Protein backbone atom coordinates (compact mmCIF):
# COMPACT_ATOMS: atom_id res chain seq x y z
CA MET A 1 3.83 26.86 -6.58
CA SER A 2 5.00 23.86 -8.62
CA ARG A 3 2.65 22.29 -11.15
CA ARG A 4 3.49 18.90 -9.66
CA TYR A 5 4.86 18.03 -6.24
CA PRO A 6 6.20 14.73 -4.89
CA PHE A 7 4.22 14.44 -1.65
CA SER A 8 1.46 16.04 0.39
CA LEU A 9 1.25 15.95 4.18
CA SER A 10 -1.93 16.67 6.12
CA CYS A 11 -3.60 15.52 9.31
CA LEU A 12 -5.26 12.79 7.22
CA GLY A 13 -1.85 11.35 6.42
CA LEU A 14 0.89 11.36 3.82
CA SER A 15 0.24 10.89 0.11
CA GLN A 16 3.26 10.51 -2.15
CA LEU A 17 4.48 9.96 -5.68
CA SER A 18 6.92 7.08 -5.75
CA ARG A 19 8.42 4.87 -8.41
CA SER A 20 7.25 1.28 -8.59
CA ASN A 21 7.67 -1.69 -10.87
CA PRO A 22 4.46 -1.88 -12.96
CA LEU A 23 4.77 -5.68 -13.10
CA VAL A 24 4.82 -5.90 -9.29
CA ILE A 25 1.76 -3.65 -9.05
CA ALA A 26 -0.02 -5.78 -11.67
CA TRP A 27 0.92 -8.93 -9.73
CA TRP A 28 -0.69 -7.59 -6.55
CA SER A 29 -3.81 -6.74 -8.54
CA ALA A 30 -3.86 -10.32 -9.77
CA ALA A 31 -3.46 -11.62 -6.20
CA PHE A 32 -6.21 -9.38 -4.83
CA PRO A 33 -7.99 -7.02 -7.31
CA GLY A 34 -7.82 -3.46 -6.04
CA TYR A 35 -4.66 -3.95 -4.00
CA GLY A 36 -2.38 -2.76 -6.79
CA HIS A 37 -4.23 0.56 -6.86
CA MET A 38 -3.90 0.89 -3.09
CA LEU A 39 -0.12 0.47 -3.43
CA ILE A 40 0.09 3.52 -5.71
CA ASN A 41 -2.12 5.67 -3.43
CA MET A 42 -5.30 5.42 -5.53
CA HIS A 43 -7.41 4.71 -2.46
CA ILE A 44 -10.89 5.49 -3.78
CA LYS A 45 -10.46 3.41 -6.94
CA GLY A 46 -8.73 0.64 -4.97
CA ASN A 47 -11.49 0.35 -2.38
CA ILE A 48 -14.19 0.33 -5.07
CA LEU A 49 -12.42 -2.53 -6.85
CA ILE A 50 -11.89 -4.46 -3.60
CA LEU A 51 -15.60 -4.09 -2.81
CA PHE A 52 -16.55 -5.45 -6.24
CA GLU A 53 -13.97 -8.25 -5.86
CA VAL A 54 -15.55 -9.38 -2.60
CA ILE A 55 -19.14 -9.16 -3.92
CA ILE A 56 -18.47 -10.99 -7.20
CA ASN A 57 -16.14 -13.55 -5.64
CA LEU A 58 -18.59 -14.50 -2.90
CA ASN A 59 -21.55 -14.78 -5.26
CA ALA A 60 -19.56 -16.80 -7.78
CA HIS A 61 -18.19 -19.01 -4.93
CA LEU A 62 -14.74 -18.73 -6.52
CA ASN A 63 -12.78 -19.20 -3.31
CA GLN A 64 -14.84 -22.22 -2.32
CA ALA A 65 -14.33 -23.75 -5.77
CA THR A 66 -10.61 -22.99 -5.50
CA ALA A 67 -10.41 -24.76 -2.12
CA TYR A 68 -12.15 -27.83 -3.54
CA SER A 69 -9.82 -27.81 -6.57
CA PHE A 70 -6.71 -27.69 -4.38
CA SER A 71 -7.97 -30.70 -2.44
CA GLY A 72 -8.69 -32.66 -5.66
CA GLN A 73 -12.50 -32.47 -5.38
CA PHE A 74 -13.10 -31.20 -8.91
CA GLU A 75 -16.73 -32.32 -9.15
CA LEU A 76 -17.63 -30.37 -6.01
CA ALA A 77 -15.76 -27.35 -7.42
CA LYS A 78 -17.94 -27.49 -10.56
CA GLU A 79 -21.12 -27.80 -8.51
CA VAL A 80 -20.53 -24.80 -6.24
CA LEU A 81 -19.28 -22.46 -8.97
CA ASN A 82 -21.92 -19.96 -10.11
CA SER A 83 -21.21 -19.37 -13.81
CA ARG A 84 -23.39 -16.23 -14.05
CA TRP A 85 -21.17 -14.40 -11.57
CA ALA A 86 -17.96 -16.12 -12.69
CA LEU A 87 -18.36 -14.78 -16.25
CA ILE A 88 -18.69 -11.23 -14.88
CA TYR A 89 -15.54 -11.78 -12.86
CA ILE A 90 -13.33 -12.49 -15.90
CA PRO A 91 -13.38 -8.99 -17.53
CA PHE A 92 -13.36 -7.34 -14.10
CA TYR A 93 -10.25 -9.30 -13.05
CA PHE A 94 -8.27 -8.45 -16.19
CA PHE A 95 -9.32 -4.80 -16.06
CA CYS A 96 -7.87 -4.51 -12.53
CA ILE A 97 -4.54 -5.91 -13.72
CA PHE A 98 -4.45 -3.71 -16.84
CA ASP A 99 -5.45 -0.49 -15.09
CA SER A 100 -3.01 -0.90 -12.19
CA TYR A 101 -0.17 -1.59 -14.65
CA ARG A 102 -1.07 1.47 -16.74
CA SER A 103 -1.46 3.70 -13.67
CA ALA A 104 1.91 2.60 -12.26
CA LYS A 105 3.61 3.55 -15.54
CA ASP A 106 1.90 6.96 -15.52
CA ILE A 107 3.00 7.63 -11.94
CA ASN A 108 6.57 6.68 -12.82
CA GLN A 109 6.47 9.38 -15.51
CA LEU A 110 5.19 11.90 -12.97
CA CYS A 111 8.04 10.94 -10.64
CA LEU A 112 10.54 11.77 -13.39
CA LEU A 113 8.96 15.22 -13.76
CA THR A 114 9.21 15.96 -10.03
CA GLU A 115 12.70 14.57 -9.35
CA GLN A 116 14.49 17.80 -10.30
CA THR A 117 11.91 20.03 -8.61
CA PRO A 118 12.98 21.43 -5.20
CA VAL A 119 10.79 20.11 -2.40
CA ILE A 120 9.03 23.12 -0.91
CA ARG A 121 6.19 21.53 1.05
CA PRO A 122 4.99 21.84 4.66
CA ILE A 123 6.36 19.00 6.79
CA PHE A 124 4.47 19.85 9.98
CA GLU A 125 0.75 20.38 10.45
CA MET A 126 -1.10 20.81 13.73
CA LYS A 127 -4.85 21.07 14.10
CA SER A 128 -7.16 20.93 17.09
CA TYR A 129 -8.00 17.31 16.21
CA SER A 130 -4.65 15.92 15.07
CA LEU A 131 -0.90 16.40 14.63
CA SER A 132 1.10 15.29 11.62
CA TYR A 133 4.80 15.63 10.79
CA LEU A 134 7.44 14.16 8.52
CA ASP A 135 10.23 12.11 10.11
CA LYS A 136 12.10 8.83 9.71
CA ARG A 137 10.53 5.48 10.66
CA SER A 138 11.66 1.83 10.61
CA PRO A 139 10.35 -0.10 7.55
CA ARG A 140 10.79 -3.44 9.34
CA ILE A 141 8.67 -2.38 12.30
CA ALA A 142 5.95 -1.14 9.93
CA MET A 143 6.04 -4.43 8.01
CA LEU A 144 5.78 -6.55 11.17
CA TRP A 145 2.81 -4.59 12.53
CA SER A 146 0.90 -4.90 9.26
CA LEU A 147 1.73 -8.59 9.04
CA PHE A 148 0.04 -9.17 12.42
CA LEU A 149 -2.82 -6.69 11.89
CA PRO A 150 -3.17 -5.09 8.44
CA GLY A 151 -3.35 -1.31 8.62
CA THR A 152 -1.35 -0.81 11.82
CA GLY A 153 1.95 -0.54 9.92
CA GLU A 154 0.36 2.15 7.74
CA LEU A 155 -0.77 3.98 10.88
CA TYR A 156 2.82 3.78 12.16
CA CYS A 157 4.08 5.67 9.09
CA GLN A 158 1.18 8.17 9.14
CA ARG A 159 -0.78 6.89 6.13
CA THR A 160 -4.16 7.25 7.77
CA ILE A 161 -6.46 6.73 4.76
CA THR A 162 -4.71 3.51 3.72
CA ALA A 163 -4.70 2.30 7.32
CA LEU A 164 -8.41 2.97 7.79
CA SER A 165 -9.46 1.06 4.68
CA LEU A 166 -7.16 -1.90 5.44
CA MET A 167 -8.35 -2.16 9.06
CA ILE A 168 -12.01 -2.08 8.00
CA TRP A 169 -11.44 -4.86 5.45
CA THR A 170 -9.47 -6.84 8.05
CA LEU A 171 -12.35 -6.64 10.54
CA VAL A 172 -14.94 -7.66 7.94
CA ILE A 173 -12.94 -10.56 6.49
CA THR A 174 -11.74 -11.87 9.87
CA TYR A 175 -15.26 -11.78 11.33
CA PHE A 176 -16.99 -13.59 8.46
CA SER A 177 -14.19 -16.16 7.99
CA HIS A 178 -14.51 -17.19 11.70
CA SER A 179 -10.70 -17.47 11.72
CA MET A 180 -10.33 -16.30 15.32
CA GLU A 181 -13.05 -18.69 16.47
CA SER A 182 -11.35 -21.51 14.60
CA LEU A 183 -8.01 -20.62 16.21
CA GLN A 184 -9.62 -20.70 19.63
CA TRP A 185 -10.97 -24.22 19.06
CA LEU A 186 -7.62 -25.32 17.62
CA LEU A 187 -5.73 -24.12 20.71
CA THR A 188 -8.09 -26.11 22.95
CA GLY A 189 -7.46 -29.27 20.92
CA ASN A 190 -10.82 -29.45 19.09
CA ILE A 191 -9.41 -29.83 15.58
CA ASP A 192 -12.62 -31.11 13.97
CA VAL A 193 -14.67 -28.21 15.35
CA SER A 194 -11.92 -25.82 14.28
CA LYS A 195 -12.22 -27.03 10.68
CA ARG A 196 -16.00 -27.01 10.72
CA VAL A 197 -16.46 -23.40 11.81
CA LEU A 198 -14.12 -21.98 9.14
CA ASP A 199 -15.68 -20.28 6.12
CA MET A 200 -13.29 -20.97 3.25
CA GLU A 201 -14.84 -18.35 0.98
CA TRP A 202 -13.78 -15.59 3.37
CA LEU A 203 -10.65 -17.31 4.68
CA LEU A 204 -8.86 -17.29 1.32
CA PHE A 205 -8.89 -13.48 1.30
CA ILE A 206 -6.68 -13.38 4.42
CA PRO A 207 -3.24 -14.33 2.95
CA SER A 208 -3.43 -11.63 0.27
CA LEU A 209 -4.67 -9.11 2.80
CA HIS A 210 -1.93 -9.70 5.39
CA PHE A 211 1.05 -10.11 3.06
CA GLY A 212 -0.11 -7.26 0.83
CA ALA A 213 -0.44 -4.94 3.82
CA ALA A 214 3.03 -5.93 5.07
CA TYR A 215 4.57 -5.21 1.66
CA ASP A 216 2.71 -1.90 1.41
CA ALA A 217 3.81 -0.80 4.89
CA TYR A 218 7.47 -1.65 4.20
CA ARG A 219 7.50 0.09 0.82
CA GLY A 220 5.52 3.08 2.08
CA THR A 221 7.89 3.65 5.01
CA LEU A 222 10.92 3.53 2.71
CA ASN A 223 9.32 6.23 0.55
CA HIS A 224 8.39 8.20 3.68
CA ASN A 225 12.05 8.19 4.78
CA HIS A 226 13.21 9.12 1.27
CA PHE A 227 11.05 12.25 1.21
CA PHE A 228 12.18 13.22 4.72
CA VAL A 229 15.84 13.16 3.63
CA ARG A 230 15.10 14.85 0.31
CA GLU A 231 13.12 17.68 1.90
CA GLN A 232 15.81 18.21 4.55
CA LYS A 233 18.56 18.43 1.90
CA ASP A 234 16.59 20.93 -0.18
CA TYR A 235 15.82 23.03 2.89
CA LEU A 236 19.50 23.18 3.95
CA ARG A 237 20.57 24.14 0.41
CA ARG A 238 18.06 26.99 0.36
CA LYS A 239 18.87 28.17 3.88
CA TRP A 240 22.65 27.95 3.64
CA PRO A 241 23.67 27.93 -0.03
CA VAL A 242 27.20 26.76 -0.74
CA LYS A 243 29.53 29.55 -1.83
CA ARG A 244 31.95 28.59 -4.53
CA ALA A 245 34.69 31.03 -3.52
CA HIS A 246 36.74 30.16 -0.47
CA PRO A 247 36.52 32.88 2.23
CA LEU A 248 40.36 33.08 2.47
CA PHE A 249 40.68 34.00 -1.21
CA PRO A 250 39.16 36.74 -3.40
CA GLU A 251 35.85 36.09 -5.13
CA ASN A 252 37.55 35.65 -8.50
CA GLY A 253 39.89 33.06 -7.07
CA TRP A 254 43.64 33.05 -6.50
CA ASN A 255 45.60 34.50 -9.43
CA GLY A 256 49.00 33.14 -8.40
CA GLU A 257 50.38 36.48 -7.16
CA SER A 258 51.59 37.02 -3.61
CA ASN A 259 52.24 40.22 -1.65
C-alpha cells in the first residue's frame, strides 16, 4: 500500500489530488470565502467557512452596502453597514484567502510525490445502496449543468459530497433571495414588483455560487478523466509488460551472424 495515493473512489464519490494554481484558488476564496477550499476537495473546512461567510455577511449587511455603493448611494451604504460584524469579517476574509493559497501549494507538493507512483486503486465499487465507477465524462456538459443548477455538474462526474453541499447552499440562497419569485413577476411584465421582492443581501451570493460551481465541475471532470486514463495505462503495463527483446530474435539481441 502506497503512503500517498492520487485518488479515492467510493460510493460517496471521487476524491482526488490534482494540481491547481494557488493564485486561482485564492481568487475564488476572495470571491466567495470557502469556495477555494471546496475546489481542492477540503469539503468540511470549505463548508464551515461558507457558513461563517453567510452569517457574518448577512449580519454586517455587506452585500446590501455593496449594492448601494454600486448605485452611488454611499450615505445609505454607510447607514446599513454594521461595523461590529464588519470588523470581524476583515480577519476572517483574509484568513480564507491565505489558507486556501497555502493549502493549494501543499497539495501541489503532494501531487509531485504521487506522480511517479503506479495507480493501484479500485475503480469500481458496488454496494446495496449505490454503484460507483471510474470512466470518462464531458467537462463541458458538467460545466453547463452546474451553471444552470450548482451541484448537478458535480453529480454528473460522481463527486457526491461536493454536489450535496452545493445543492443545499443553492436551495438556501435561492429561496431567501426570492430570485425565482422575482423572475416570475418579471416574465409577467411586473418589473416594479420584480424589483421589490428581491433581497439583495442574498441575491449577491448567486453569481459566485453559479460561476464557481461551473468552474469546479469543469475542472473536476478534467481531473476525473485524467485519472481514468492514468489508471488504465498503469493497469495495462502491469498486465501486459512490454518485452524489450523482439520475439524473432534471441533474448540477447541479434549478434550479426547468420546461419
